[in-house]
Amino acid sequence: MTATALTTSKITYTSANVDWEQFHRQFDEALGLVRGQLGREYPLYIGAEAVSSTANPIVDRSPIDTRVVLGRFAVATGEHVDRAVAAARAAQLAWARRDWRERVTTLRRAAALIRERKFELAAIMSLEVGKSRLESMGDAEESADLIDYYCQQVEDAGGFVRQMANVTPVERNTDVLRPYGVFACIAPFNFPLALSTGMSSAALVAGNTVVYKPAEDAPWTGLKLYEVYRDAGLPAGAFNYLSGHGSEAGEALWRHRGVDGVVFTGSKDVGLKIHQGLSNRWIKPCLLELGGKNAAIVMETADLDAAAEGVARSAFGLQNQKCSATSRVYVHENVAQSFIAKLLEKTKALRIGDPTERDVSFGPVINAESVAKFQRAVARARKEGEVLTGGDRLTSQPLARGHYVAPTIAKLPLTSTLFLDELFVPFLAVGIVAGIEEAIAETNKTEYGLTAGIFSQRDSDIARFFDEVEAGVCYVNKRTGATTGAWPGAQPFTGWKGSGSTGKGGCGPYYVAQFMREQSRTVIDT
């Protein structure tokens, strides 16, 4: 399979090849355009029709400054879910019957539109989620690359039609992968475009139709994805947009009897609830990516400058609100003091502020609940160990108007549960280990198994890490991000243990086929 090629001018999460002055000029222009749209009201979209709701709308506020209302978004009810599933069902057969090349062409148009609109999309994400300019542009670029990569999977497989062996001379045997039908797609806030696009485009290119619920904290970005698909020529009903609350619209959607499968990215608790409750009449596909508690190991032979930079980038990019973020470090006792000093230096150099501004790398967390979770973690850390830097809610102006907390590092005993609990806030736990055996054992203690990284110059350490670590995405000596930075066609994003459900992840070569089921066809020539 051909991996998605990087274009000559692109920002990813770990690399950039752009004219920076032009980039910032275009971002500023897009930001001005987007700010001119603030405060509008937006409906649901079911079967390509705008649909209103009598429920109180979601008031989408920026975490940068909660006084800023980005928009008011209609809230879907159970009745809207019924209508959306019915619209998706009505559209599915005709969409599936289209030649696979036509579906690929439509989806590639969507990828092209994302690239055309990437500055507007990035500006919206920066305002809505608190992403830096680089993080938000990486999100937009990945979205387009995900579509192209999944289209390439269908092309490389010839539409997933394969001629099989004949048992007798008079038979013709064909193996075909066919779509399930209607997929519920439930997305998180942290990569509001890339994860939404990746999940939905794989379902769509396979011939399914989709009912999509974006995160409550990112309905605007989700609406822009609906507009991309609409403008790309996706037929009415193939992709339906339901903004709303997870406890009502999300719950009603995945439980709906008319849904043939679920693709979900979010918390482990919600994912396990969906997995356990989805299949009561028969087994339905349930593709889950459920977060992580990702460790970086720093051994005594490590390049400590590279390790400190890699850990700081992965721990504090997007304020640690990535499924792949480094949230714990196990450092060899012989280099612990030197490594921690370098890590603190990198952390204290972060520029904190409005992430829509040029060169700001650290913005707010997503909401007040995350602030409270951060404060609880810091309080535990102060009791159990030592907070080396940070630990505070940032209350100076203008940060007081948003959900800002300080990037925080705590040195803790290995018995602390802060090494095990997923927090999704900028809190990094550091533990001291005696060697590679203890480091891997500590890494594997958590219920999660998404990403992991090691810094070592010793081949035996690296080999043992790959062989024994319980994680689906593994990195060695990655200065640009110890545990983060997966890209379509380069690093399949697969969660083990409590981090996933199928053992095959997004960004990888087996993803699209999971949205399809196998049919064997035998024809006897007469």
Protein backbone atom coordinates (compact mmCIF):
# COMPACT_ATOMS: atom_id res chain seq x y z
CA MET A 1 0.00 0.00 0.00
CA THR A 2 1.21 3.47 -0.84
CA ALA A 3 1.52 5.66 2.24
CA THR A 4 0.15 9.18 2.13
CA ALA A 5 2.84 11.41 0.71
CA LEU A 6 3.70 14.67 2.43
CA THR A 7 3.11 17.68 0.24
CA THR A 8 5.83 20.27 -0.24
CA SER A 9 4.19 22.71 2.20
CA LYS A 10 2.67 21.07 5.25
CA ILE A 11 2.55 21.14 9.03
CA THR A 12 2.27 17.87 10.94
CA TYR A 13 2.43 17.37 14.70
CA THR A 14 6.18 16.79 14.56
CA SER A 15 7.40 18.53 11.41
CA ALA A 16 6.85 21.60 9.28
CA ASN A 17 7.84 22.69 5.81
CA VAL A 18 6.27 26.10 5.32
CA ASP A 19 7.02 29.76 4.73
CA TRP A 20 6.34 30.92 8.28
CA GLU A 21 5.61 34.54 7.43
CA GLN A 22 3.07 33.49 4.84
CA PHE A 23 1.61 30.91 7.22
CA HIS A 24 1.04 33.43 9.99
CA ARG A 25 -0.35 35.99 7.57
CA GLN A 26 -2.89 33.48 6.24
CA PHE A 27 -3.76 32.33 9.75
CA ASP A 28 -4.39 35.92 10.84
CA GLU A 29 -6.65 36.48 7.85
CA ALA A 30 -8.64 33.33 8.59
CA LEU A 31 -8.89 34.27 12.25
CA GLY A 32 -10.38 37.63 11.34
CA LEU A 33 -12.91 35.94 9.05
CA VAL A 34 -13.90 33.42 11.71
CA ARG A 35 -14.24 36.04 14.43
CA GLY A 36 -16.68 37.85 12.18
CA GLN A 37 -18.97 34.81 12.42
CA LEU A 38 -19.14 34.57 16.23
CA GLY A 39 -22.43 34.21 18.05
CA ARG A 40 -24.59 32.76 15.28
CA GLU A 41 -27.22 30.06 15.72
CA TYR A 42 -26.83 26.70 14.01
CA PRO A 43 -29.31 23.88 13.37
CA LEU A 44 -28.94 20.14 13.09
CA TYR A 45 -28.65 18.63 9.61
CA ILE A 46 -30.64 15.49 8.85
CA GLY A 47 -30.96 14.24 5.30
CA ALA A 48 -29.37 17.50 4.09
CA GLU A 49 -32.16 19.54 5.70
CA ALA A 50 -31.64 22.09 8.45
CA VAL A 51 -33.59 20.95 11.50
CA SER A 52 -34.34 23.04 14.57
CA SER A 53 -34.74 21.90 18.17
CA THR A 54 -36.87 23.21 21.02
CA ALA A 55 -34.28 22.11 23.58
CA ASN A 56 -31.99 24.71 25.09
CA PRO A 57 -29.02 25.13 22.73
CA ILE A 58 -25.40 24.38 23.46
CA VAL A 59 -23.73 27.73 24.07
CA ASP A 60 -20.27 27.10 22.64
CA ARG A 61 -17.77 29.25 24.54
CA SER A 62 -14.07 29.58 23.91
CA PRO A 63 -11.87 28.08 26.64
CA ILE A 64 -9.45 30.94 25.93
CA ASP A 65 -11.98 33.51 27.17
CA THR A 66 -15.29 32.13 28.34
CA ARG A 67 -17.01 35.44 27.70
CA VAL A 68 -16.67 34.77 23.97
CA VAL A 69 -19.67 32.90 22.57
CA LEU A 70 -18.62 31.11 19.41
CA GLY A 71 -22.14 30.05 18.55
CA ARG A 72 -25.39 28.49 19.74
CA PHE A 73 -25.94 24.98 18.49
CA ALA A 74 -29.19 23.07 18.36
CA VAL A 75 -29.43 20.14 20.76
CA ALA A 76 -30.55 16.81 19.33
CA THR A 77 -33.16 14.76 21.18
CA GLY A 78 -34.14 11.13 20.85
CA GLU A 79 -36.64 12.11 18.16
CA HIS A 80 -33.87 13.72 16.11
CA VAL A 81 -31.78 10.57 16.47
CA ASP A 82 -34.69 8.53 15.10
CA ARG A 83 -34.97 10.84 12.10
CA ALA A 84 -31.24 10.85 11.44
CA VAL A 85 -30.93 7.07 11.58
CA ALA A 86 -33.91 6.77 9.24
CA ALA A 87 -32.33 9.24 6.82
CA ALA A 88 -29.06 7.36 6.90
CA ARG A 89 -30.86 4.06 6.32
CA ALA A 90 -32.77 5.49 3.37
CA ALA A 91 -29.56 6.73 1.74
CA GLN A 92 -27.35 3.74 2.46
CA LEU A 93 -28.34 1.23 -0.22
CA ALA A 94 -27.90 3.66 -3.10
CA TRP A 95 -24.58 4.90 -1.69
CA ALA A 96 -23.30 1.33 -1.28
CA ARG A 97 -24.39 0.42 -4.81
CA ARG A 98 -22.31 3.17 -6.34
CA ASP A 99 -19.14 1.94 -7.91
CA TRP A 100 -16.38 2.11 -5.33
CA ARG A 101 -14.41 4.40 -7.62
CA GLU A 102 -17.22 6.94 -7.46
CA ARG A 103 -17.22 6.85 -3.67
CA VAL A 104 -13.45 7.32 -3.67
CA THR A 105 -13.76 10.29 -6.03
CA THR A 106 -16.33 11.94 -3.77
CA LEU A 107 -14.23 11.44 -0.67
CA ARG A 108 -11.09 12.73 -2.40
CA ARG A 109 -13.03 15.90 -3.20
CA ALA A 110 -13.71 16.22 0.51
CA ALA A 111 -9.98 15.94 1.22
CA ALA A 112 -9.28 18.64 -1.36
CA LEU A 113 -11.88 20.93 0.25
CA ILE A 114 -10.30 20.48 3.66
CA ARG A 115 -6.96 21.55 2.22
CA GLU A 116 -8.60 24.57 0.56
CA ARG A 117 -10.27 25.56 3.84
CA LYS A 118 -7.52 24.51 6.22
CA PHE A 119 -6.78 27.96 7.60
CA GLU A 120 -10.42 28.63 8.40
CA LEU A 121 -10.76 25.18 9.97
CA ALA A 122 -7.57 25.64 11.98
CA ALA A 123 -8.67 29.06 13.22
CA ILE A 124 -11.99 27.63 14.40
CA MET A 125 -10.26 24.78 16.24
CA SER A 126 -7.85 27.18 17.89
CA LEU A 127 -10.73 29.25 19.23
CA GLU A 128 -13.00 26.35 20.09
CA VAL A 129 -10.57 23.86 21.63
CA GLY A 130 -7.58 26.01 22.60
CA LYS A 131 -5.11 24.51 20.14
CA SER A 132 -2.01 26.41 19.15
CA ARG A 133 -1.64 27.47 15.55
CA LEU A 134 0.65 24.53 14.79
CA GLU A 135 -1.54 21.99 16.56
CA SER A 136 -4.70 23.20 14.85
CA MET A 137 -3.10 23.21 11.41
CA GLY A 138 -1.74 19.74 12.03
CA ASP A 139 -5.27 18.63 12.85
CA ALA A 140 -6.58 20.02 9.55
CA GLU A 141 -3.76 18.56 7.48
CA GLU A 142 -4.14 15.15 9.09
CA SER A 143 -7.86 15.17 8.30
CA ALA A 144 -7.23 15.49 4.57
CA ASP A 145 -4.44 12.91 4.66
CA LEU A 146 -6.68 10.45 6.51
CA ILE A 147 -9.29 10.61 3.76
CA ASP A 148 -6.70 10.14 1.04
CA TYR A 149 -5.06 7.25 2.88
CA TYR A 150 -8.35 5.43 3.38
CA CYS A 151 -9.29 6.00 -0.26
CA GLN A 152 -5.93 4.50 -1.19
CA GLN A 153 -6.76 1.41 0.86
CA VAL A 154 -9.91 0.85 -1.19
CA GLU A 155 -8.03 1.44 -4.45
CA ASP A 156 -5.20 -0.89 -3.52
CA ALA A 157 -7.71 -3.61 -2.65
CA GLY A 158 -9.64 -3.16 -5.89
CA GLY A 159 -12.77 -2.26 -3.99
CA PHE A 160 -12.23 -5.28 -1.72
CA VAL A 161 -13.31 -7.75 -4.41
CA ARG A 162 -11.11 -10.82 -4.81
CA GLN A 163 -11.37 -13.85 -7.07
CA MET A 164 -10.98 -17.12 -5.14
CA ALA A 165 -9.99 -20.66 -6.05
CA ASN A 166 -12.47 -23.00 -7.72
CA VAL A 167 -13.27 -26.35 -6.15
CA THR A 168 -14.94 -27.64 -9.34
CA PRO A 169 -14.57 -26.58 -13.00
CA VAL A 170 -18.13 -25.23 -13.19
CA GLU A 171 -17.97 -22.75 -10.32
CA ARG A 172 -16.76 -19.19 -9.99
CA ASN A 173 -15.94 -18.00 -6.46
CA THR A 174 -15.59 -14.38 -5.41
CA ASP A 175 -14.88 -12.84 -2.03
CA VAL A 176 -16.35 -9.40 -1.39
CA LEU A 177 -16.21 -7.04 1.57
CA ARG A 178 -19.50 -5.18 1.90
CA PRO A 179 -20.61 -2.33 4.18
CA TYR A 180 -22.57 -3.02 7.34
CA GLY A 181 -25.08 -0.22 6.80
CA VAL A 182 -25.48 2.71 9.20
CA PHE A 183 -22.63 3.70 11.53
CA ALA A 184 -22.90 5.92 14.59
CA CYS A 185 -19.81 8.13 14.77
CA ILE A 186 -19.22 9.77 18.16
CA ALA A 187 -16.20 12.06 18.36
CA PRO A 188 -14.11 13.76 21.10
CA PHE A 189 -13.09 17.38 21.49
CA ASN A 190 -9.32 17.10 21.37
CA PHE A 191 -8.89 16.37 17.65
CA PRO A 192 -12.29 17.62 16.61
CA LEU A 193 -11.64 17.50 12.88
CA ALA A 194 -9.05 14.74 12.41
CA LEU A 195 -10.73 12.11 14.55
CA SER A 196 -14.19 12.98 13.24
CA THR A 197 -12.93 12.88 9.66
CA GLY A 198 -10.92 9.71 10.07
CA MET A 199 -13.73 7.71 11.63
CA SER A 200 -16.46 8.98 9.30
CA SER A 201 -14.50 8.87 6.04
CA ALA A 202 -13.48 5.25 6.57
CA ALA A 203 -17.12 4.32 7.17
CA LEU A 204 -18.27 6.31 4.14
CA VAL A 205 -15.71 5.13 1.60
CA ALA A 206 -16.58 1.56 2.59
CA GLY A 207 -20.20 2.23 1.57
CA ASN A 208 -21.79 2.90 4.95
CA THR A 209 -23.77 5.98 5.85
CA VAL A 210 -23.13 7.91 9.06
CA VAL A 211 -24.97 9.64 11.88
CA TYR A 212 -22.38 11.88 13.49
CA LYS A 213 -22.35 13.49 16.92
CA PRO A 214 -19.44 15.84 17.60
CA ALA A 215 -18.20 16.57 21.10
CA GLU A 216 -20.27 19.00 23.14
CA ASP A 217 -17.18 21.22 23.39
CA ALA A 218 -16.54 21.26 19.62
CA PRO A 219 -19.83 21.46 17.68
CA TRP A 220 -18.59 24.22 15.36
CA THR A 221 -15.70 22.19 14.00
CA GLY A 222 -18.07 19.27 13.53
CA LEU A 223 -20.47 21.42 11.55
CA LYS A 224 -17.65 22.47 9.25
CA LEU A 225 -16.97 18.80 8.52
CA TYR A 226 -20.62 18.37 7.55
CA GLU A 227 -20.26 21.29 5.15
CA VAL A 228 -17.14 19.73 3.61
CA TYR A 229 -18.93 16.47 2.91
CA ARG A 230 -22.00 18.28 1.57
CA ASP A 231 -19.95 20.45 -0.76
CA ALA A 232 -17.94 17.44 -1.93
CA GLY A 233 -21.15 15.93 -3.28
CA LEU A 234 -22.02 13.36 -0.64
CA PRO A 235 -25.70 12.44 -1.19
CA ALA A 236 -28.41 13.62 1.21
CA GLY A 237 -28.64 11.38 4.25
CA ALA A 238 -25.19 9.84 3.86
CA PHE A 239 -23.77 12.04 6.62
CA ASN A 240 -26.09 13.51 9.24
CA TYR A 241 -24.97 16.07 11.82
CA LEU A 242 -26.39 15.96 15.36
CA SER A 243 -24.92 18.36 17.88
CA GLY A 244 -26.05 17.57 21.39
CA HIS A 245 -25.25 16.08 24.76
CA GLY A 246 -23.63 12.71 25.19
CA SER A 247 -26.04 11.69 27.92
CA GLU A 248 -29.03 12.14 25.61
CA ALA A 249 -28.18 12.26 21.91
CA GLY A 250 -25.02 10.16 22.19
CA GLU A 251 -26.69 7.53 24.34
CA ALA A 252 -29.76 7.34 22.12
CA LEU A 253 -27.58 7.10 19.02
CA TRP A 254 -25.39 4.15 19.95
CA ARG A 255 -28.34 2.31 21.50
CA HIS A 256 -30.54 2.79 18.43
CA ARG A 257 -31.74 -0.49 16.91
CA GLY A 258 -31.28 0.96 13.43
CA VAL A 259 -27.54 1.45 13.93
CA ASP A 260 -25.41 -1.35 12.48
CA GLY A 261 -22.11 -0.34 14.06
CA VAL A 262 -20.41 2.23 16.26
CA VAL A 263 -17.10 4.03 15.90
CA PHE A 264 -16.20 6.02 19.00
CA THR A 265 -13.23 7.88 20.43
CA GLY A 266 -13.43 8.96 24.05
CA SER A 267 -13.09 7.77 27.62
CA LYS A 268 -12.57 4.14 28.59
CA ASP A 269 -15.61 4.15 30.86
CA VAL A 270 -17.98 5.32 28.13
CA GLY A 271 -16.35 3.07 25.54
CA LEU A 272 -16.74 -0.03 27.70
CA LYS A 273 -20.37 0.88 28.33
CA ILE A 274 -20.97 1.07 24.58
CA HIS A 275 -19.09 -2.18 23.94
CA GLN A 276 -21.07 -4.05 26.60
CA GLY A 277 -24.45 -2.64 25.61
CA LEU A 278 -24.29 -2.55 21.82
CA SER A 279 -24.75 -6.19 20.85
CA ASN A 280 -27.95 -7.53 22.41
CA ARG A 281 -29.53 -9.06 19.27
CA TRP A 282 -26.35 -9.98 17.44
CA ILE A 283 -22.71 -8.91 17.47
CA LYS A 284 -22.23 -5.47 15.94
CA PRO A 285 -18.91 -3.88 15.00
CA CYS A 286 -17.65 -1.58 17.74
CA LEU A 287 -14.47 0.33 16.89
CA LEU A 288 -13.18 2.10 19.98
CA GLU A 289 -10.16 4.28 20.76
CA LEU A 290 -10.25 4.89 24.49
CA GLY A 291 -7.37 7.03 25.62
CA GLY A 292 -4.13 6.24 27.35
CA LYS A 293 -1.78 6.70 30.27
CA ASN A 294 1.35 6.84 28.20
CA ALA A 295 4.84 6.38 29.62
CA ALA A 296 8.24 7.54 28.45
CA ILE A 297 11.28 5.64 29.72
CA VAL A 298 14.62 7.45 30.05
CA MET A 299 17.56 5.10 30.51
CA GLU A 300 21.07 5.89 31.68
CA THR A 301 22.48 5.84 28.11
CA ALA A 302 19.86 8.28 26.79
CA ASP A 303 20.59 11.55 25.05
CA LEU A 304 19.14 13.62 27.89
CA ASP A 305 18.64 16.75 25.80
CA ALA A 306 16.59 14.77 23.28
CA ALA A 307 14.69 13.02 26.06
CA ALA A 308 13.84 16.25 27.85
CA GLU A 309 12.63 17.88 24.65
CA GLY A 310 10.66 14.83 23.54
CA VAL A 311 8.95 14.45 26.90
CA ALA A 312 8.14 18.15 27.23
CA ARG A 313 6.63 18.24 23.74
CA SER A 314 4.46 15.19 24.33
CA ALA A 315 3.51 16.13 27.89
CA PHE A 316 2.44 19.70 27.22
CA GLY A 317 1.38 19.87 23.58
CA LEU A 318 -2.35 20.65 23.59
CA GLN A 319 -2.05 20.86 27.36
CA ASN A 320 -1.71 17.04 27.62
CA GLN A 321 -5.21 16.61 26.19
CA LYS A 322 -4.14 13.97 23.70
CA CYS A 323 -4.86 10.27 23.95
CA SER A 324 -1.17 9.78 23.15
CA ALA A 325 0.27 12.43 25.50
CA THR A 326 3.13 11.54 27.82
CA SER A 327 1.65 11.64 31.29
CA ARG A 328 4.32 9.68 33.18
CA VAL A 329 8.09 9.26 32.95
CA TYR A 330 10.26 6.53 34.40
CA VAL A 331 13.86 7.72 34.55
CA HIS A 332 16.94 5.72 35.50
CA GLU A 333 18.26 6.65 38.94
CA ASN A 334 21.75 7.38 37.58
CA VAL A 335 20.54 10.20 35.31
CA ALA A 336 17.39 11.30 37.13
CA GLN A 337 18.78 14.55 38.53
CA SER A 338 20.25 15.71 35.22
CA PHE A 339 17.19 14.71 33.21
CA ILE A 340 14.75 16.41 35.56
CA ALA A 341 16.78 19.62 35.48
CA LYS A 342 16.67 19.67 31.68
CA LEU A 343 12.95 18.82 31.65
CA LEU A 344 12.17 21.65 34.05
CA GLU A 345 14.14 24.06 31.88
CA LYS A 346 12.13 23.05 28.80
CA THR A 347 8.84 23.31 30.67
CA LYS A 348 9.52 26.72 32.15
CA ALA A 349 10.38 28.02 28.69
CA LEU A 350 6.88 27.30 27.34
CA ARG A 351 5.04 30.40 26.20
CA ILE A 352 1.62 30.37 27.85
CA GLY A 353 -1.24 32.46 26.52
CA ASP A 354 -3.87 32.81 23.82
CA PRO A 355 -3.11 29.91 21.47
CA THR A 356 -4.50 31.80 18.48
CA GLU A 357 -1.50 34.12 18.78
CA ARG A 358 1.74 33.58 16.99
CA ASP A 359 4.37 31.51 18.86
CA VAL A 360 2.14 30.61 21.82
CA SER A 361 2.57 26.90 22.49
CA PHE A 362 0.50 26.35 25.65
CA GLY A 363 -3.15 27.34 25.95
CA PRO A 364 -6.12 26.53 28.18
CA VAL A 365 -7.67 23.20 29.08
CA ILE A 366 -11.06 22.57 27.56
CA ASN A 367 -13.47 23.35 30.40
CA ALA A 368 -14.05 23.96 34.10
CA GLU A 369 -14.30 20.21 34.79
CA SER A 370 -10.75 19.78 33.52
CA VAL A 371 -9.54 22.59 35.76
CA ALA A 372 -11.10 20.86 38.75
CA LYS A 373 -9.53 17.53 37.78
CA PHE A 374 -6.15 19.25 37.52
CA GLN A 375 -6.54 20.79 40.96
CA ARG A 376 -7.44 17.43 42.51
CA ALA A 377 -4.38 15.79 40.94
CA VAL A 378 -2.09 18.53 42.24
CA ALA A 379 -3.52 18.21 45.74
CA ARG A 380 -2.80 14.46 45.71
CA ALA A 381 0.70 15.07 44.38
CA ARG A 382 1.50 17.51 47.17
CA LYS A 383 0.49 14.87 49.74
CA GLU A 384 2.29 11.97 48.08
CA GLY A 385 5.41 13.58 46.65
CA GLU A 386 6.87 16.86 45.43
CA VAL A 387 5.51 19.28 42.85
CA LEU A 388 8.63 20.42 41.00
CA THR A 389 7.01 23.12 38.87
CA GLY A 390 3.52 24.47 38.23
CA GLY A 391 0.56 23.26 40.25
CA ASP A 392 -1.47 26.45 40.00
CA ARG A 393 -4.58 27.78 38.36
CA LEU A 394 -3.40 30.76 36.31
CA THR A 395 -5.36 33.81 37.43
CA SER A 396 -3.42 36.78 36.10
CA GLN A 397 -5.07 38.78 33.33
CA PRO A 398 -5.96 37.93 30.64
CA LEU A 399 -5.58 34.23 31.52
CA ALA A 400 -8.13 34.49 34.33
CA ARG A 401 -10.89 34.77 31.74
CA GLY A 402 -10.15 31.27 30.43
CA HIS A 403 -9.49 27.74 31.68
CA TYR A 404 -5.75 28.13 32.26
CA VAL A 405 -3.59 25.99 34.53
CA ALA A 406 0.19 25.78 34.76
CA PRO A 407 2.17 22.97 33.11
CA THR A 408 2.98 20.79 36.09
CA ILE A 409 5.62 18.17 36.90
CA ALA A 410 5.54 16.11 40.10
CA LYS A 411 8.13 13.68 41.43
CA LEU A 412 6.19 10.83 43.01
CA PRO A 413 6.71 7.42 44.62
CA LEU A 414 6.00 4.57 42.22
CA THR A 415 3.07 3.51 44.42
CA SER A 416 1.13 6.67 43.55
CA THR A 417 -2.09 6.11 41.62
CA LEU A 418 -1.28 9.26 39.68
CA PHE A 419 0.88 6.96 37.54
CA LEU A 420 -2.22 4.93 36.65
CA ASP A 421 -5.21 7.28 36.28
CA GLU A 422 -5.84 9.05 32.98
CA LEU A 423 -6.21 12.76 33.76
CA PHE A 424 -6.16 14.55 30.40
CA VAL A 425 -4.66 17.67 31.98
CA PRO A 426 -1.10 19.08 31.88
CA PHE A 427 0.22 17.03 34.76
CA LEU A 428 3.33 14.87 34.37
CA ALA A 429 4.31 12.27 36.96
CA VAL A 430 8.02 11.39 37.24
CA GLY A 431 9.24 8.20 38.90
CA ILE A 432 12.75 6.89 39.54
CA VAL A 433 13.64 3.33 38.48
CA ALA A 434 16.67 1.10 38.88
CA GLY A 435 16.76 -0.29 35.34
CA ILE A 436 14.94 -1.40 32.22
CA GLU A 437 13.14 -4.31 33.91
CA GLU A 438 11.53 -2.08 36.51
CA ALA A 439 10.77 0.63 33.94
CA ILE A 440 8.84 -1.76 31.69
CA ALA A 441 7.06 -3.38 34.62
CA GLU A 442 5.89 0.03 35.85
CA THR A 443 4.87 1.03 32.32
CA ASN A 444 2.69 -2.08 32.00
CA LYS A 445 0.88 -1.68 35.34
CA THR A 446 -1.80 0.61 33.92
CA GLU A 447 -5.05 -0.58 32.32
CA TYR A 448 -4.20 1.40 29.20
CA GLY A 449 -1.94 0.46 26.30
CA LEU A 450 -1.92 3.14 23.63
CA THR A 451 1.52 4.72 23.20
CA ALA A 452 4.92 4.40 24.86
CA GLY A 453 8.41 5.74 24.28
CA ILE A 454 11.97 5.00 25.33
CA PHE A 455 15.20 6.97 25.18
CA SER A 456 18.26 4.71 25.17
CA GLN A 457 21.38 4.10 23.12
CA ARG A 458 21.55 0.45 24.18
CA ASP A 459 20.20 -2.02 21.61
CA SER A 460 19.25 -4.54 24.27
CA ASP A 461 17.04 -1.95 26.02
CA ILE A 462 15.29 -1.12 22.77
CA ALA A 463 14.73 -4.76 21.84
CA ARG A 464 13.33 -5.55 25.27
CA PHE A 465 11.09 -2.50 25.15
CA PHE A 466 9.54 -3.57 21.84
CA ASP A 467 9.14 -7.16 23.00
CA GLU A 468 7.65 -6.51 26.43
CA VAL A 469 5.86 -3.16 26.47
CA GLU A 470 2.08 -3.42 26.34
CA ALA A 471 1.28 -0.61 23.91
CA GLY A 472 0.18 -0.41 20.31
CA VAL A 473 2.23 2.64 19.26
CA CYS A 474 5.90 2.61 20.29
CA TYR A 475 8.62 5.19 19.74
CA VAL A 476 12.38 5.11 20.31
CA ASN A 477 14.48 8.27 20.82
CA LYS A 478 11.79 10.54 19.36
CA ARG A 479 12.91 14.06 20.13
CA THR A 480 9.92 15.64 18.38
CA GLY A 481 7.52 13.91 20.75
CA ALA A 482 8.28 11.01 23.07
CA THR A 483 4.87 9.34 22.67
CA THR A 484 2.97 11.53 20.20
CA GLY A 485 2.82 12.40 16.51
CA ALA A 486 1.22 9.44 14.70
CA TRP A 487 0.38 10.20 11.07
CA PRO A 488 -1.72 8.41 8.42
CA GLY A 489 0.27 5.77 6.60
CA ALA A 490 3.25 6.15 8.93
CA GLN A 491 2.22 5.12 12.45
CA PRO A 492 -0.98 3.06 12.87
CA PHE A 493 -2.73 4.33 16.00
CA THR A 494 -3.73 1.13 17.77
CA GLY A 495 -4.79 0.83 21.39
CA TRP A 496 -4.08 -2.31 23.39
CA LYS A 497 -5.80 -3.32 26.65
CA GLY A 498 -8.17 -0.58 27.81
CA SER A 499 -7.13 1.76 25.00
CA GLY A 500 -8.95 0.06 22.12
CA SER A 501 -11.25 -2.72 20.98
CA THR A 502 -10.13 -4.29 17.71
CA GLY A 503 -6.33 -4.50 17.76
CA LYS A 504 -6.18 -2.54 14.51
CA GLY A 505 -6.09 1.23 14.57
CA GLY A 506 -6.78 4.38 12.63
CA CYS A 507 -3.93 5.68 10.46
CA GLY A 508 -3.11 2.06 9.68
CA PRO A 509 -3.51 -0.31 6.71
CA TYR A 510 -6.34 -2.44 8.17
CA TYR A 511 -8.72 0.32 9.20
CA VAL A 512 -11.22 0.58 6.35
CA ALA A 513 -11.80 -3.18 6.17
CA GLN A 514 -13.16 -3.08 9.73
CA PHE A 515 -16.18 -1.13 8.47
CA MET A 516 -17.08 -4.00 6.15
CA ARG A 517 -18.16 -7.63 6.41
CA GLU A 518 -17.20 -10.51 4.22
CA GLN A 519 -19.49 -12.21 1.70
CA SER A 520 -18.52 -15.28 -0.30
CA ARG A 521 -20.21 -15.58 -3.70
CA THR A 522 -20.33 -18.85 -5.66
CA VAL A 523 -21.88 -19.01 -9.12
CA ILE A 524 -22.34 -22.35 -10.92
CA ASP A 525 -22.04 -22.07 -14.69
CA THR A 526 -24.86 -23.89 -16.47
